[in-house]
Amino acid sequence: MDLIVLSDEQLLRGQVKSCKLVHGTATLPLRKAGPNGYLRKYIDEPDTIDFFALYVHDTEQIAYISAKEAFESCPGSTRLVFRVDPPKNNQEQGVRFLSDYADFEGVLRDYEQRA
């Protein structure tokens, strides 16, 4: 665990990741190195993580994503991709913008609704 947050007597466990922009996008890997370099998904251990914090080096932005949303929005995927720069075709529907995840309150709301 990289980060622990205590909010209203609720303990949230976070995993911090960092990345660089690639073609205007930031990528959150949903897997980690296990024994002997084997890569396994965080979803294999759902009770060990509550949220991800993604730091983007190029823009110094931080995004907070609840683990529940990360795993449910991309089942079977090993990564989540966030758009930092606007798409060239101006598409907005179905695009996950990093700026929509800048507020940690969104993670807290997700866990308050589950409690």
Protein backbone atom coordinates (compact mmCIF):
# COMPACT_ATOMS: atom_id res chain seq x y z
CA MET A 1 0.00 0.00 0.00
CA ASP A 2 1.34 3.42 -0.93
CA LEU A 3 -1.20 5.73 0.68
CA ILE A 4 -3.70 5.48 3.53
CA VAL A 5 -6.49 8.03 4.02
CA LEU A 6 -8.65 8.26 7.14
CA SER A 7 -11.94 10.06 6.50
CA ASP A 8 -14.82 10.10 9.00
CA GLU A 9 -13.38 7.04 10.73
CA GLN A 10 -13.21 5.20 7.40
CA LEU A 11 -9.84 3.83 6.29
CA LEU A 12 -9.14 3.93 2.54
CA ARG A 13 -6.10 2.24 1.01
CA GLY A 14 -4.56 3.74 -2.10
CA GLN A 15 -2.09 2.69 -4.75
CA VAL A 16 -0.03 5.53 -6.28
CA LYS A 17 1.05 5.29 -9.91
CA SER A 18 2.80 7.75 -12.21
CA CYS A 19 3.05 8.10 -15.96
CA LYS A 20 4.07 10.39 -18.79
CA LEU A 21 1.80 11.68 -21.52
CA VAL A 22 1.67 9.62 -24.70
CA HIS A 23 -0.26 11.20 -27.58
CA GLY A 24 -2.25 13.36 -25.15
CA THR A 25 -3.26 10.48 -22.88
CA ALA A 26 -2.28 9.21 -19.43
CA THR A 27 -2.43 5.49 -18.65
CA LEU A 28 -3.14 3.85 -15.30
CA PRO A 29 -1.84 0.27 -15.20
CA LEU A 30 -4.19 -2.12 -13.40
CA ARG A 31 -1.55 -4.76 -12.78
CA LYS A 32 1.52 -5.16 -10.63
CA ALA A 33 4.65 -7.28 -10.61
CA GLY A 34 4.31 -10.42 -8.56
CA PRO A 35 6.71 -13.24 -7.75
CA ASN A 36 9.31 -13.95 -10.43
CA GLY A 37 8.24 -10.88 -12.43
CA TYR A 38 4.79 -12.32 -13.11
CA LEU A 39 2.28 -9.54 -13.76
CA ARG A 40 -1.06 -9.87 -12.05
CA LYS A 41 -4.06 -7.59 -11.95
CA TYR A 42 -5.01 -5.70 -8.83
CA ILE A 43 -8.52 -7.07 -9.29
CA ASP A 44 -7.13 -10.46 -8.25
CA GLU A 45 -6.93 -8.98 -4.74
CA PRO A 46 -10.03 -6.72 -4.57
CA ASP A 47 -9.97 -6.28 -0.79
CA THR A 48 -6.47 -4.81 -0.70
CA ILE A 49 -7.05 -1.52 -2.54
CA ASP A 50 -9.76 1.15 -2.43
CA PHE A 51 -8.46 3.77 -4.87
CA PHE A 52 -5.69 4.71 -7.28
CA ALA A 53 -3.87 8.04 -7.40
CA LEU A 54 -2.34 8.72 -10.82
CA TYR A 55 0.36 11.40 -11.13
CA VAL A 56 1.14 12.71 -14.62
CA HIS A 57 4.73 13.98 -14.78
CA ASP A 58 4.30 16.23 -17.83
CA THR A 59 1.38 18.24 -16.45
CA GLU A 60 1.83 17.64 -12.70
CA GLN A 61 -1.84 16.63 -12.52
CA ILE A 62 -3.14 14.06 -10.06
CA ALA A 63 -6.24 11.97 -10.66
CA TYR A 64 -8.08 9.89 -8.06
CA ILE A 65 -9.97 6.83 -9.27
CA SER A 66 -11.93 4.47 -7.04
CA ALA A 67 -10.82 0.87 -7.47
CA LYS A 68 -14.46 -0.13 -7.87
CA GLU A 69 -14.88 2.19 -10.85
CA ALA A 70 -11.55 1.17 -12.36
CA PHE A 71 -12.35 -2.53 -12.23
CA GLU A 72 -16.01 -2.27 -13.24
CA SER A 73 -15.54 0.19 -16.11
CA CYS A 74 -12.93 -1.94 -17.86
CA PRO A 75 -13.47 -5.59 -16.94
CA GLY A 76 -10.66 -7.76 -18.21
CA SER A 77 -8.48 -4.77 -19.08
CA THR A 78 -4.98 -4.26 -17.71
CA ARG A 79 -5.10 -0.46 -17.94
CA LEU A 80 -7.29 2.63 -17.94
CA VAL A 81 -6.57 5.41 -20.41
CA PHE A 82 -7.42 9.03 -19.62
CA ARG A 83 -7.51 11.84 -22.14
CA VAL A 84 -5.48 14.89 -21.06
CA ASP A 85 -5.41 16.83 -24.34
CA PRO A 86 -8.69 17.31 -26.24
CA PRO A 87 -9.27 14.70 -28.98
CA LYS A 88 -8.50 15.94 -32.48
CA ASN A 89 -12.02 15.02 -33.62
CA ASN A 90 -13.54 16.90 -30.63
CA GLN A 91 -15.31 13.73 -29.45
CA GLU A 92 -16.48 13.92 -25.85
CA GLN A 93 -18.95 11.05 -25.52
CA GLY A 94 -17.30 7.90 -24.18
CA VAL A 95 -14.03 9.72 -23.49
CA ARG A 96 -12.54 9.46 -19.98
CA PHE A 97 -11.02 12.90 -19.26
CA LEU A 98 -8.33 13.06 -16.57
CA SER A 99 -9.68 16.40 -15.35
CA ASP A 100 -12.92 14.66 -14.29
CA TYR A 101 -10.93 12.76 -11.65
CA ALA A 102 -9.02 15.66 -10.07
CA ASP A 103 -11.17 15.75 -6.93
CA PHE A 104 -10.59 13.15 -4.20
CA GLU A 105 -14.15 13.78 -3.03
CA GLY A 106 -15.34 11.56 -5.89
CA VAL A 107 -13.54 8.59 -4.35
CA LEU A 108 -15.02 9.40 -0.94
CA ARG A 109 -18.54 9.63 -2.40
CA ASP A 110 -18.14 6.20 -3.99
CA TYR A 111 -17.30 4.63 -0.64
CA GLU A 112 -19.95 6.55 1.30
CA GLN A 113 -22.59 5.20 -1.07
CA ARG A 114 -21.38 1.64 -0.47
CA ALA A 115 -21.39 2.02 3.34
